[in-house]
């Protein structure tokens, strides 16, 4: 699939944020994706493989996609702020999207740390219509805010994820407000090594949102 890819900097609260704006040949009018990367202190950037495949899956569904580096990551200015300032970075990205074109709705996706930060912001943002949480670090991160989040939510997790155990992720999903769906990828670790094509297919299979069945838990072999 031929894509139009633009490298840019968008204004952020702690300085410029490095970003990529990618448009598929035939985009859905006003419907865009925003993808948040994993923990920057452990090498997470917008070029992470899971982030890349998330963006590609959304583009294959006809969405233009913005992915960006949080403050202090890659060529973005500022310093890491333990998730507090990074939430403001997500809001800055949403503001940029709103100025770029009239929005019918944003599908906000996040991987690992990006899910923890991004979904929290997305739940309270009228510009965000649906959420995708990937590789949820449920073992040691607080996702209790999802209990009051009534937006459609898709969670994708590997059964061998070392940062989000089956029990922790099942409990997180159970506590989240409907509509929601949890897709397990059998044998996949936190980074979906060897399962990235399955991962992309999972996004395509369970989109558009709202999801097939509120509260469902699906396992992909």
N, C-alpha and C. Protein backbone atom coordinates (compact mmCIF):
# COMPACT_ATOMS: atom_id res chain seq x y z
N UNK A 1 0.84 -1.20 0.00
CA UNK A 1 0.00 0.00 0.00
C UNK A 1 0.88 1.25 0.00
N UNK A 2 0.67 2.10 -0.99
CA UNK A 2 1.44 3.34 -1.07
C UNK A 2 0.92 4.33 -0.05
N UNK A 3 1.85 4.94 0.70
CA UNK A 3 1.46 5.88 1.75
C UNK A 3 2.14 7.22 1.53
N UNK A 4 1.48 8.27 2.01
CA UNK A 4 2.05 9.61 2.03
C UNK A 4 2.53 9.86 3.45
N UNK A 5 3.85 9.89 3.64
CA UNK A 5 4.43 10.02 4.98
C UNK A 5 5.12 11.37 5.11
N UNK A 6 4.74 12.11 6.14
CA UNK A 6 5.32 13.44 6.39
C UNK A 6 6.00 13.45 7.76
N UNK A 7 7.28 13.79 7.79
CA UNK A 7 8.01 13.97 9.04
C UNK A 7 7.89 15.42 9.48
N UNK A 8 7.56 15.64 10.76
CA UNK A 8 7.29 17.01 11.20
C UNK A 8 7.53 17.15 12.70
N UNK A 9 7.43 18.39 13.16
CA UNK A 9 7.43 18.70 14.59
C UNK A 9 6.13 19.42 14.90
N UNK A 10 5.48 19.00 15.96
CA UNK A 10 4.26 19.69 16.37
C UNK A 10 4.52 20.39 17.71
N UNK A 11 3.82 21.49 17.98
CA UNK A 11 4.06 22.23 19.22
C UNK A 11 3.56 21.46 20.44
N UNK A 12 4.43 21.36 21.44
CA UNK A 12 4.06 20.70 22.68
C UNK A 12 4.27 21.61 23.87
N UNK A 13 3.74 21.24 25.03
CA UNK A 13 3.85 22.09 26.22
C UNK A 13 5.27 22.20 26.77
N UNK A 14 6.16 21.26 26.40
CA UNK A 14 7.54 21.32 26.87
C UNK A 14 8.51 21.53 25.71
N UNK A 15 7.98 21.94 24.56
CA UNK A 15 8.81 22.13 23.38
C UNK A 15 8.28 21.33 22.21
N UNK A 16 9.03 21.32 21.13
CA UNK A 16 8.59 20.64 19.92
C UNK A 16 8.57 19.13 20.10
N UNK A 17 7.56 18.48 19.49
CA UNK A 17 7.42 17.03 19.54
C UNK A 17 7.61 16.45 18.15
N UNK A 18 8.55 15.55 18.02
CA UNK A 18 8.80 14.89 16.74
C UNK A 18 7.63 13.98 16.39
N UNK A 19 7.23 13.96 15.13
CA UNK A 19 6.05 13.18 14.74
C UNK A 19 6.13 12.71 13.30
N UNK A 20 5.32 11.72 12.99
CA UNK A 20 5.10 11.25 11.62
C UNK A 20 3.60 11.29 11.34
N UNK A 21 3.23 11.88 10.23
CA UNK A 21 1.84 11.97 9.78
C UNK A 21 1.73 11.14 8.51
N UNK A 22 0.93 10.08 8.56
CA UNK A 22 0.86 9.13 7.46
C UNK A 22 -0.57 9.03 6.95
N UNK A 23 -0.72 9.17 5.64
CA UNK A 23 -2.04 9.13 5.03
C UNK A 23 -2.12 8.01 3.99
N UNK A 24 -3.12 7.15 4.09
CA UNK A 24 -3.30 6.10 3.09
C UNK A 24 -3.86 6.68 1.80
N UNK A 25 -3.82 5.93 0.70
CA UNK A 25 -4.31 6.46 -0.58
C UNK A 25 -5.77 6.89 -0.53
N UNK A 26 -6.59 6.13 0.20
CA UNK A 26 -8.01 6.45 0.30
C UNK A 26 -8.39 6.51 1.78
N UNK A 27 -8.43 7.72 2.33
CA UNK A 27 -8.66 7.88 3.76
C UNK A 27 -10.13 8.13 4.06
N UNK A 28 -10.58 7.65 5.22
CA UNK A 28 -11.93 7.94 5.69
C UNK A 28 -11.98 9.39 6.15
N UNK A 29 -12.91 10.14 5.65
CA UNK A 29 -12.99 11.57 5.95
C UNK A 29 -13.18 11.81 7.44
N UNK A 30 -12.22 12.54 8.02
CA UNK A 30 -12.35 12.98 9.40
C UNK A 30 -12.02 11.96 10.46
N UNK A 31 -11.81 10.68 10.08
CA UNK A 31 -11.49 9.65 11.06
C UNK A 31 -9.99 9.39 11.03
N UNK A 32 -9.33 9.61 12.15
CA UNK A 32 -7.87 9.50 12.20
C UNK A 32 -7.43 8.66 13.39
N UNK A 33 -6.20 8.18 13.32
CA UNK A 33 -5.61 7.43 14.41
C UNK A 33 -4.49 8.21 15.06
N UNK A 34 -4.34 8.03 16.36
CA UNK A 34 -3.23 8.62 17.12
C UNK A 34 -2.61 7.49 17.93
N UNK A 35 -1.30 7.26 17.75
CA UNK A 35 -0.63 6.12 18.37
C UNK A 35 0.46 6.60 19.32
N UNK A 36 0.44 6.08 20.56
CA UNK A 36 1.39 6.48 21.61
C UNK A 36 2.38 5.35 21.88
N UNK A 37 3.64 5.68 22.00
CA UNK A 37 4.72 4.69 22.08
C UNK A 37 5.01 4.23 23.52
N UNK A 38 5.80 3.15 23.67
CA UNK A 38 6.13 2.63 25.01
C UNK A 38 7.14 3.51 25.75
N UNK A 39 7.56 3.03 26.92
CA UNK A 39 8.33 3.83 27.87
C UNK A 39 9.63 4.36 27.26
N UNK A 40 9.79 5.70 27.23
CA UNK A 40 10.98 6.28 26.61
C UNK A 40 12.27 5.99 27.36
N UNK A 41 12.19 5.74 28.66
CA UNK A 41 13.41 5.45 29.42
C UNK A 41 13.94 4.05 29.14
N UNK A 42 13.14 3.24 28.44
CA UNK A 42 13.56 1.90 28.06
C UNK A 42 13.62 1.75 26.53
N UNK A 43 13.85 2.87 25.87
CA UNK A 43 14.05 2.85 24.43
C UNK A 43 12.81 3.01 23.58
N UNK A 44 11.67 3.31 24.20
CA UNK A 44 10.43 3.45 23.44
C UNK A 44 10.39 4.74 22.63
N UNK A 45 10.07 4.62 21.34
CA UNK A 45 9.91 5.78 20.46
C UNK A 45 8.79 5.49 19.46
N UNK A 46 8.51 6.46 18.63
CA UNK A 46 7.49 6.29 17.59
C UNK A 46 7.89 5.26 16.55
N UNK A 47 9.18 4.87 16.54
CA UNK A 47 9.65 3.88 15.57
C UNK A 47 9.60 2.45 16.11
N UNK A 48 9.11 2.26 17.33
CA UNK A 48 8.95 0.92 17.90
C UNK A 48 8.13 0.03 16.94
N UNK A 49 8.49 -1.25 16.86
CA UNK A 49 7.84 -2.15 15.89
C UNK A 49 6.34 -2.30 16.15
N UNK A 50 5.95 -2.38 17.42
CA UNK A 50 4.52 -2.54 17.72
C UNK A 50 3.76 -1.27 17.36
N UNK A 51 4.36 -0.11 17.64
CA UNK A 51 3.75 1.17 17.26
C UNK A 51 3.61 1.24 15.74
N UNK A 52 4.67 0.86 15.04
CA UNK A 52 4.64 0.87 13.57
C UNK A 52 3.52 -0.01 13.03
N UNK A 53 3.40 -1.22 13.56
CA UNK A 53 2.38 -2.14 13.07
C UNK A 53 0.97 -1.69 13.46
N UNK A 54 0.84 -1.03 14.59
CA UNK A 54 -0.45 -0.46 14.97
C UNK A 54 -0.87 0.60 13.95
N UNK A 55 0.08 1.48 13.64
CA UNK A 55 -0.20 2.53 12.66
C UNK A 55 -0.54 1.95 11.29
N UNK A 56 0.20 0.92 10.88
CA UNK A 56 -0.06 0.30 9.58
C UNK A 56 -1.44 -0.33 9.52
N UNK A 57 -1.84 -1.00 10.60
CA UNK A 57 -3.17 -1.63 10.63
C UNK A 57 -4.27 -0.59 10.49
N UNK A 58 -4.12 0.53 11.18
CA UNK A 58 -5.12 1.59 11.09
C UNK A 58 -5.15 2.20 9.69
N UNK A 59 -3.97 2.35 9.08
CA UNK A 59 -3.91 2.87 7.71
C UNK A 59 -4.59 1.92 6.73
N UNK A 60 -4.40 0.62 6.94
CA UNK A 60 -5.03 -0.37 6.08
C UNK A 60 -6.55 -0.34 6.19
N UNK A 61 -7.04 0.22 7.29
CA UNK A 61 -8.47 0.40 7.49
C UNK A 61 -8.96 1.75 6.99
N UNK A 62 -8.04 2.54 6.41
CA UNK A 62 -8.43 3.81 5.81
C UNK A 62 -8.26 5.03 6.69
N UNK A 63 -7.53 4.91 7.79
CA UNK A 63 -7.32 6.05 8.68
C UNK A 63 -5.98 6.71 8.40
N UNK A 64 -5.97 8.03 8.37
CA UNK A 64 -4.71 8.76 8.47
C UNK A 64 -4.23 8.63 9.91
N UNK A 65 -2.92 8.54 10.12
CA UNK A 65 -2.40 8.25 11.46
C UNK A 65 -1.27 9.20 11.84
N UNK A 66 -1.35 9.70 13.07
CA UNK A 66 -0.27 10.49 13.66
C UNK A 66 0.37 9.67 14.76
N UNK A 67 1.69 9.50 14.69
CA UNK A 67 2.44 8.95 15.83
C UNK A 67 3.53 9.95 16.16
N UNK A 68 3.83 10.08 17.43
CA UNK A 68 4.75 11.12 17.86
C UNK A 68 5.62 10.61 19.00
N UNK A 69 6.72 11.31 19.24
CA UNK A 69 7.58 11.01 20.38
C UNK A 69 7.20 11.88 21.57
N UNK A 70 7.02 11.23 22.72
CA UNK A 70 6.81 11.98 23.94
C UNK A 70 8.01 12.89 24.22
N UNK A 71 7.81 13.85 25.08
CA UNK A 71 8.89 14.75 25.50
C UNK A 71 10.14 13.96 25.90
N UNK A 72 11.28 14.41 25.41
CA UNK A 72 12.55 13.77 25.77
C UNK A 72 12.89 12.52 24.99
N UNK A 73 11.98 12.04 24.15
CA UNK A 73 12.24 10.84 23.35
C UNK A 73 12.60 11.23 21.93
N UNK A 74 13.55 10.50 21.33
CA UNK A 74 13.95 10.82 19.97
C UNK A 74 14.41 12.26 19.85
N UNK A 75 13.83 13.00 18.91
CA UNK A 75 14.20 14.40 18.71
C UNK A 75 13.20 15.37 19.35
N UNK A 76 12.33 14.84 20.19
CA UNK A 76 11.39 15.72 20.90
C UNK A 76 12.09 16.46 22.03
N UNK A 77 11.70 17.69 22.25
CA UNK A 77 12.28 18.49 23.32
C UNK A 77 11.64 18.15 24.66
N UNK A 78 12.27 18.64 25.74
CA UNK A 78 11.73 18.40 27.07
C UNK A 78 12.37 17.20 27.75
N UNK A 79 11.87 16.89 28.95
CA UNK A 79 12.39 15.77 29.74
C UNK A 79 11.24 14.87 30.15
N UNK A 80 11.56 13.60 30.34
CA UNK A 80 10.57 12.61 30.77
C UNK A 80 9.92 13.06 32.08
N UNK A 81 8.59 12.84 32.19
CA UNK A 81 7.85 13.35 33.34
C UNK A 81 6.97 12.29 34.00
N UNK A 82 7.37 11.02 33.92
CA UNK A 82 6.70 9.93 34.63
C UNK A 82 5.21 9.81 34.28
N UNK A 83 4.84 10.23 33.09
CA UNK A 83 3.46 10.08 32.64
C UNK A 83 2.59 11.30 32.84
N UNK A 84 3.04 12.24 33.69
CA UNK A 84 2.21 13.43 33.93
C UNK A 84 2.25 14.37 32.73
N UNK A 85 3.43 14.86 32.40
CA UNK A 85 3.56 15.75 31.25
C UNK A 85 3.27 15.06 29.94
N UNK A 86 3.50 13.74 29.90
CA UNK A 86 3.23 13.00 28.67
C UNK A 86 1.74 13.03 28.32
N UNK A 87 0.89 13.09 29.34
CA UNK A 87 -0.53 13.25 29.08
C UNK A 87 -0.82 14.56 28.37
N UNK A 88 -0.10 15.60 28.76
CA UNK A 88 -0.25 16.90 28.07
C UNK A 88 0.27 16.82 26.64
N UNK A 89 1.29 15.98 26.42
CA UNK A 89 1.78 15.78 25.05
C UNK A 89 0.69 15.15 24.17
N UNK A 90 -0.05 14.20 24.73
CA UNK A 90 -1.15 13.58 23.98
C UNK A 90 -2.19 14.64 23.61
N UNK A 91 -2.51 15.50 24.56
CA UNK A 91 -3.49 16.58 24.29
C UNK A 91 -2.97 17.53 23.20
N UNK A 92 -1.67 17.78 23.20
CA UNK A 92 -1.08 18.63 22.16
C UNK A 92 -1.21 17.97 20.79
N UNK A 93 -1.03 16.65 20.75
CA UNK A 93 -1.18 15.93 19.48
C UNK A 93 -2.63 15.98 19.00
N UNK A 94 -3.58 15.86 19.92
CA UNK A 94 -4.99 15.97 19.56
C UNK A 94 -5.32 17.36 19.03
N UNK A 95 -4.74 18.38 19.66
CA UNK A 95 -4.97 19.76 19.20
C UNK A 95 -4.41 19.95 17.80
N UNK A 96 -3.25 19.35 17.51
CA UNK A 96 -2.68 19.45 16.17
C UNK A 96 -3.59 18.78 15.14
N UNK A 97 -4.11 17.61 15.50
CA UNK A 97 -5.02 16.91 14.59
C UNK A 97 -6.27 17.74 14.32
N UNK A 98 -6.78 18.39 15.34
CA UNK A 98 -7.99 19.20 15.19
C UNK A 98 -7.76 20.37 14.25
N UNK A 99 -6.57 20.94 14.29
CA UNK A 99 -6.24 22.05 13.39
C UNK A 99 -5.95 21.55 11.97
N UNK A 100 -5.50 20.32 11.87
CA UNK A 100 -5.14 19.76 10.56
C UNK A 100 -6.37 19.61 9.66
N UNK A 101 -7.46 19.12 10.24
CA UNK A 101 -8.68 18.88 9.46
C UNK A 101 -9.85 18.67 10.42
N UNK A 102 -11.07 18.91 9.96
CA UNK A 102 -12.23 18.64 10.81
C UNK A 102 -12.25 17.16 11.21
N UNK A 103 -12.48 16.89 12.48
CA UNK A 103 -12.41 15.53 12.98
C UNK A 103 -13.80 14.93 13.16
N UNK A 104 -14.00 13.74 12.57
CA UNK A 104 -15.20 12.97 12.86
C UNK A 104 -14.98 12.15 14.12
N UNK A 105 -13.73 11.88 14.43
CA UNK A 105 -13.39 11.11 15.61
C UNK A 105 -11.98 10.59 15.54
N UNK A 106 -11.35 10.44 16.70
CA UNK A 106 -9.98 9.92 16.79
C UNK A 106 -10.01 8.54 17.43
N UNK A 107 -9.33 7.59 16.80
CA UNK A 107 -9.07 6.30 17.42
C UNK A 107 -7.70 6.40 18.07
N UNK A 108 -7.66 6.41 19.40
CA UNK A 108 -6.41 6.58 20.12
C UNK A 108 -5.90 5.21 20.56
N UNK A 109 -4.70 4.88 20.10
CA UNK A 109 -4.08 3.60 20.44
C UNK A 109 -2.79 3.84 21.20
N UNK A 110 -2.49 2.96 22.14
CA UNK A 110 -1.24 3.08 22.89
C UNK A 110 -0.68 1.72 23.21
N UNK A 111 0.65 1.63 23.18
CA UNK A 111 1.35 0.39 23.50
C UNK A 111 2.09 0.56 24.81
N UNK A 112 1.84 -0.34 25.78
CA UNK A 112 2.54 -0.38 27.05
C UNK A 112 2.39 0.95 27.81
N UNK A 113 3.48 1.64 28.11
CA UNK A 113 3.42 2.96 28.75
C UNK A 113 2.50 3.89 27.96
N UNK A 114 2.55 3.79 26.64
CA UNK A 114 1.69 4.63 25.80
C UNK A 114 0.22 4.33 25.99
N UNK A 115 -0.11 3.08 26.33
CA UNK A 115 -1.51 2.74 26.62
C UNK A 115 -1.92 3.35 27.96
N UNK A 116 -1.06 3.23 28.95
CA UNK A 116 -1.37 3.76 30.28
C UNK A 116 -1.61 5.27 30.22
N UNK A 117 -0.75 5.98 29.51
CA UNK A 117 -0.89 7.44 29.40
C UNK A 117 -2.00 7.82 28.43
N UNK A 118 -1.97 7.23 27.24
CA UNK A 118 -2.88 7.64 26.18
C UNK A 118 -4.34 7.35 26.47
N UNK A 119 -4.63 6.15 26.99
CA UNK A 119 -6.02 5.80 27.26
C UNK A 119 -6.60 6.68 28.36
N UNK A 120 -5.78 7.03 29.33
CA UNK A 120 -6.26 7.91 30.41
C UNK A 120 -6.70 9.26 29.84
N UNK A 121 -5.90 9.82 28.94
CA UNK A 121 -6.28 11.08 28.30
C UNK A 121 -7.50 10.89 27.41
N UNK A 122 -7.47 9.82 26.61
CA UNK A 122 -8.55 9.58 25.66
C UNK A 122 -9.91 9.41 26.29
N UNK A 123 -9.94 8.84 27.48
CA UNK A 123 -11.23 8.64 28.16
C UNK A 123 -11.93 9.96 28.44
N UNK A 124 -11.16 11.01 28.69
CA UNK A 124 -11.76 12.29 29.04
C UNK A 124 -11.82 13.29 27.91
N UNK A 125 -11.45 12.86 26.70
CA UNK A 125 -11.38 13.77 25.56
C UNK A 125 -12.54 13.55 24.60
N UNK A 126 -13.34 14.58 24.38
CA UNK A 126 -14.48 14.48 23.46
C UNK A 126 -14.03 14.19 22.04
N UNK A 127 -12.79 14.57 21.69
CA UNK A 127 -12.29 14.36 20.34
C UNK A 127 -11.99 12.89 20.05
N UNK A 128 -11.87 12.09 21.11
CA UNK A 128 -11.52 10.68 20.97
C UNK A 128 -12.80 9.84 20.99
N UNK A 129 -12.97 9.01 19.94
CA UNK A 129 -14.18 8.21 19.84
C UNK A 129 -14.01 6.77 20.26
N UNK A 130 -12.77 6.24 20.20
CA UNK A 130 -12.53 4.84 20.53
C UNK A 130 -11.08 4.67 20.97
N UNK A 131 -10.82 3.59 21.71
CA UNK A 131 -9.51 3.36 22.32
C UNK A 131 -9.01 1.96 22.02
N UNK A 132 -7.70 1.85 21.78
CA UNK A 132 -7.05 0.55 21.60
C UNK A 132 -5.86 0.48 22.55
N UNK A 133 -5.89 -0.47 23.47
CA UNK A 133 -4.79 -0.67 24.41
C UNK A 133 -4.03 -1.93 24.07
N UNK A 134 -2.73 -1.81 23.86
CA UNK A 134 -1.90 -2.92 23.40
C UNK A 134 -0.80 -3.20 24.42
N UNK A 135 -0.60 -4.48 24.76
CA UNK A 135 0.46 -4.82 25.70
C UNK A 135 0.32 -4.06 27.00
N UNK A 136 -0.84 -4.16 27.62
CA UNK A 136 -1.12 -3.38 28.83
C UNK A 136 -0.19 -3.80 29.97
N UNK A 137 0.55 -2.86 30.57
CA UNK A 137 1.43 -3.19 31.69
C UNK A 137 0.63 -3.28 32.99
N UNK A 138 -0.29 -4.23 33.02
CA UNK A 138 -1.27 -4.30 34.11
C UNK A 138 -0.69 -4.79 35.42
N UNK A 139 0.51 -5.40 35.39
CA UNK A 139 1.09 -5.91 36.64
C UNK A 139 1.42 -4.81 37.63
N UNK A 140 1.80 -3.63 37.13
CA UNK A 140 2.25 -2.58 38.05
C UNK A 140 1.76 -1.19 37.67
N UNK A 141 0.74 -1.08 36.82
CA UNK A 141 0.20 0.22 36.42
C UNK A 141 -1.28 0.30 36.76
N UNK A 142 -1.72 1.49 37.14
CA UNK A 142 -3.10 1.70 37.57
C UNK A 142 -3.98 2.08 36.37
N UNK A 143 -4.88 1.19 36.01
CA UNK A 143 -5.84 1.46 34.94
C UNK A 143 -7.25 1.61 35.48
N UNK A 144 -7.39 1.95 36.75
CA UNK A 144 -8.72 2.04 37.37
C UNK A 144 -9.59 3.09 36.71
N UNK A 145 -8.97 4.06 36.03
CA UNK A 145 -9.76 5.11 35.36
C UNK A 145 -10.67 4.53 34.28
N UNK A 146 -10.38 3.32 33.80
CA UNK A 146 -11.21 2.71 32.76
C UNK A 146 -12.59 2.32 33.28
N UNK A 147 -12.76 2.27 34.59
CA UNK A 147 -14.07 1.91 35.16
C UNK A 147 -15.14 2.92 34.80
N UNK A 148 -14.74 4.16 34.58
CA UNK A 148 -15.70 5.22 34.26
C UNK A 148 -15.63 5.65 32.80
N UNK A 149 -14.96 4.86 31.98
CA UNK A 149 -14.75 5.22 30.57
C UNK A 149 -15.69 4.40 29.68
N UNK A 150 -16.72 5.04 29.17
CA UNK A 150 -17.75 4.34 28.40
C UNK A 150 -17.47 4.31 26.90
N UNK A 151 -16.31 4.75 26.49
CA UNK A 151 -15.96 4.71 25.07
C UNK A 151 -15.61 3.28 24.66
N UNK A 152 -15.84 2.90 23.40
CA UNK A 152 -15.47 1.56 22.93
C UNK A 152 -13.97 1.32 23.11
N UNK A 153 -13.65 0.14 23.66
CA UNK A 153 -12.26 -0.18 23.98
C UNK A 153 -11.90 -1.56 23.46
N UNK A 154 -10.76 -1.64 22.79
CA UNK A 154 -10.21 -2.91 22.34
C UNK A 154 -8.86 -3.10 23.02
N UNK A 155 -8.70 -4.24 23.72
CA UNK A 155 -7.43 -4.57 24.37
C UNK A 155 -6.84 -5.78 23.65
N UNK A 156 -5.55 -5.70 23.32
CA UNK A 156 -4.85 -6.81 22.66
C UNK A 156 -3.63 -7.16 23.50
N UNK A 157 -3.52 -8.42 23.89
CA UNK A 157 -2.48 -8.84 24.83
C UNK A 157 -1.94 -10.20 24.44
N UNK A 158 -0.62 -10.40 24.61
CA UNK A 158 -0.02 -11.70 24.43
C UNK A 158 -0.18 -12.55 25.68
N UNK A 159 -0.38 -13.84 25.51
CA UNK A 159 -0.56 -14.71 26.68
C UNK A 159 0.73 -14.87 27.48
N UNK A 160 1.87 -14.50 26.89
CA UNK A 160 3.15 -14.59 27.60
C UNK A 160 3.74 -13.20 27.87
N UNK A 161 2.88 -12.21 27.96
CA UNK A 161 3.34 -10.85 28.24
C UNK A 161 3.91 -10.80 29.65
N UNK A 162 5.17 -10.40 29.75
CA UNK A 162 5.85 -10.39 31.05
C UNK A 162 5.48 -9.20 31.92
N UNK A 163 4.77 -8.22 31.36
CA UNK A 163 4.38 -7.04 32.13
C UNK A 163 2.86 -6.95 32.34
N UNK A 164 2.14 -7.88 31.76
CA UNK A 164 0.69 -7.91 31.93
C UNK A 164 0.21 -9.35 31.93
N UNK A 165 0.14 -9.96 33.11
CA UNK A 165 -0.23 -11.37 33.22
C UNK A 165 -1.69 -11.59 32.84
N UNK A 166 -2.04 -12.84 32.57
CA UNK A 166 -3.42 -13.16 32.21
C UNK A 166 -4.38 -12.70 33.29
N UNK A 167 -4.04 -13.00 34.56
CA UNK A 167 -4.92 -12.63 35.66
C UNK A 167 -5.09 -11.13 35.80
N UNK A 168 -3.98 -10.40 35.69
CA UNK A 168 -4.02 -8.95 35.86
C UNK A 168 -4.81 -8.29 34.73
N UNK A 169 -4.62 -8.77 33.51
CA UNK A 169 -5.31 -8.16 32.37
C UNK A 169 -6.80 -8.54 32.37
N UNK A 170 -7.11 -9.77 32.75
CA UNK A 170 -8.52 -10.16 32.85
C UNK A 170 -9.23 -9.30 33.90
N UNK A 171 -8.56 -9.04 35.03
CA UNK A 171 -9.16 -8.21 36.08
C UNK A 171 -9.33 -6.77 35.60
N UNK A 172 -8.33 -6.26 34.89
CA UNK A 172 -8.42 -4.90 34.34
C UNK A 172 -9.62 -4.79 33.39
N UNK A 173 -9.75 -5.78 32.51
CA UNK A 173 -10.84 -5.74 31.53
C UNK A 173 -12.19 -5.87 32.21
N UNK A 174 -12.28 -6.73 33.21
CA UNK A 174 -13.53 -6.91 33.94
C UNK A 174 -13.95 -5.61 34.61
N UNK A 175 -12.99 -4.85 35.12
CA UNK A 175 -13.30 -3.60 35.81
C UNK A 175 -13.57 -2.42 34.90
N UNK A 176 -13.25 -2.56 33.62
CA UNK A 176 -13.46 -1.46 32.67
C UNK A 176 -14.92 -1.39 32.25
N UNK A 177 -15.40 -0.18 32.02
CA UNK A 177 -16.77 0.02 31.58
C UNK A 177 -16.96 -0.52 30.16
N UNK A 178 -18.17 -0.95 29.85
CA UNK A 178 -18.51 -1.37 28.49
C UNK A 178 -18.71 -0.13 27.61
N UNK A 179 -18.58 -0.33 26.27
CA UNK A 179 -18.25 -1.55 25.52
C UNK A 179 -16.75 -1.81 25.50
N UNK A 180 -16.39 -3.09 25.46
CA UNK A 180 -14.98 -3.47 25.54
C UNK A 180 -14.81 -4.86 24.96
N UNK A 181 -13.62 -5.18 24.53
CA UNK A 181 -13.29 -6.53 24.10
C UNK A 181 -11.81 -6.76 24.35
N UNK A 182 -11.48 -7.98 24.74
CA UNK A 182 -10.10 -8.37 24.99
C UNK A 182 -9.73 -9.49 24.04
N UNK A 183 -8.67 -9.30 23.28
CA UNK A 183 -8.17 -10.31 22.35
C UNK A 183 -6.82 -10.82 22.85
N UNK A 184 -6.72 -12.12 23.09
CA UNK A 184 -5.46 -12.73 23.49
C UNK A 184 -4.76 -13.31 22.26
N UNK A 185 -3.46 -13.04 22.13
CA UNK A 185 -2.66 -13.67 21.08
C UNK A 185 -1.82 -14.77 21.72
N UNK A 186 -2.16 -15.99 21.39
CA UNK A 186 -1.55 -17.16 22.01
C UNK A 186 -0.04 -17.20 21.76
N UNK A 187 0.73 -17.29 22.86
CA UNK A 187 2.18 -17.44 22.77
C UNK A 187 2.96 -16.16 22.58
N UNK A 188 2.28 -15.03 22.43
CA UNK A 188 2.97 -13.76 22.18
C UNK A 188 3.47 -13.14 23.48
N UNK A 189 4.67 -12.55 23.41
CA UNK A 189 5.21 -11.85 24.57
C UNK A 189 4.81 -10.37 24.51
N UNK A 190 5.45 -9.55 25.36
CA UNK A 190 5.07 -8.14 25.45
C UNK A 190 5.25 -7.41 24.12
N UNK A 191 6.28 -7.80 23.37
CA UNK A 191 6.59 -7.11 22.12
C UNK A 191 6.04 -7.84 20.89
N UNK A 192 5.23 -8.87 21.11
CA UNK A 192 4.60 -9.62 20.03
C UNK A 192 5.61 -10.17 19.03
N UNK A 193 6.80 -10.52 19.55
CA UNK A 193 7.85 -11.07 18.69
C UNK A 193 7.35 -12.34 18.00
N UNK A 194 7.47 -12.37 16.68
CA UNK A 194 6.99 -13.50 15.91
C UNK A 194 5.49 -13.53 15.70
N UNK A 195 4.80 -12.52 16.22
CA UNK A 195 3.33 -12.48 16.13
C UNK A 195 2.82 -11.14 15.61
N UNK A 196 3.68 -10.35 14.99
CA UNK A 196 3.27 -9.00 14.60
C UNK A 196 2.20 -9.01 13.49
N UNK A 197 2.27 -9.97 12.59
CA UNK A 197 1.23 -10.05 11.56
C UNK A 197 -0.11 -10.43 12.17
N UNK A 198 -0.09 -11.37 13.13
CA UNK A 198 -1.31 -11.72 13.86
C UNK A 198 -1.86 -10.51 14.60
N UNK A 199 -0.95 -9.75 15.17
CA UNK A 199 -1.36 -8.56 15.92
C UNK A 199 -2.07 -7.57 15.00
N UNK A 200 -1.49 -7.31 13.85
CA UNK A 200 -2.11 -6.39 12.89
C UNK A 200 -3.48 -6.90 12.45
N UNK A 201 -3.56 -8.21 12.24
CA UNK A 201 -4.83 -8.79 11.83
C UNK A 201 -5.88 -8.65 12.92
N UNK A 202 -5.46 -8.73 14.18
CA UNK A 202 -6.40 -8.58 15.30
C UNK A 202 -7.04 -7.20 15.29
N UNK A 203 -6.24 -6.18 14.99
CA UNK A 203 -6.81 -4.82 14.90
C UNK A 203 -7.80 -4.74 13.75
N UNK A 204 -7.42 -5.29 12.61
CA UNK A 204 -8.31 -5.23 11.45
C UNK A 204 -9.61 -6.02 11.69
N UNK A 205 -9.49 -7.16 12.38
CA UNK A 205 -10.66 -8.01 12.61
C UNK A 205 -11.67 -7.39 13.56
N UNK A 206 -11.18 -6.57 14.48
CA UNK A 206 -12.07 -6.04 15.54
C UNK A 206 -12.31 -4.55 15.39
N UNK A 207 -12.19 -4.08 14.18
CA UNK A 207 -12.48 -2.69 13.83
C UNK A 207 -13.45 -2.74 12.65
N UNK A 208 -14.41 -1.86 12.48
CA UNK A 208 -14.59 -0.64 13.27
C UNK A 208 -15.25 -0.90 14.62
N UNK A 209 -15.14 0.05 15.47
CA UNK A 209 -15.75 0.02 16.79
C UNK A 209 -17.09 0.76 16.72
N UNK A 210 -18.07 0.47 17.54
CA UNK A 210 -18.05 -0.37 18.72
C UNK A 210 -17.75 -1.83 18.38
N UNK A 211 -17.28 -2.51 19.37
CA UNK A 211 -16.79 -3.86 19.18
C UNK A 211 -17.93 -4.87 19.07
N UNK A 212 -17.57 -6.06 18.64
CA UNK A 212 -18.56 -7.09 18.36
C UNK A 212 -19.49 -7.36 19.55
N UNK A 213 -18.89 -7.52 20.70
CA UNK A 213 -19.71 -7.89 21.86
C UNK A 213 -19.08 -7.31 23.11
N UNK A 214 -19.80 -6.49 23.82
CA UNK A 214 -19.27 -5.89 25.05
C UNK A 214 -18.89 -6.99 26.02
N UNK A 215 -17.69 -6.84 26.59
CA UNK A 215 -17.25 -7.78 27.61
C UNK A 215 -16.69 -9.07 27.06
N UNK A 216 -16.47 -9.18 25.75
CA UNK A 216 -16.00 -10.44 25.20
C UNK A 216 -14.51 -10.62 25.43
N UNK A 217 -14.09 -11.87 25.52
CA UNK A 217 -12.68 -12.21 25.63
C UNK A 217 -12.38 -13.22 24.54
N UNK A 218 -11.55 -12.85 23.59
CA UNK A 218 -11.30 -13.68 22.42
C UNK A 218 -9.85 -14.13 22.41
N UNK A 219 -9.63 -15.37 21.99
CA UNK A 219 -8.27 -15.91 21.94
C UNK A 219 -7.92 -16.24 20.50
N UNK A 220 -6.80 -15.70 20.02
CA UNK A 220 -6.35 -15.98 18.67
C UNK A 220 -5.21 -16.99 18.72
N UNK A 221 -5.35 -18.07 17.98
CA UNK A 221 -4.33 -19.12 17.98
C UNK A 221 -3.16 -18.73 17.08
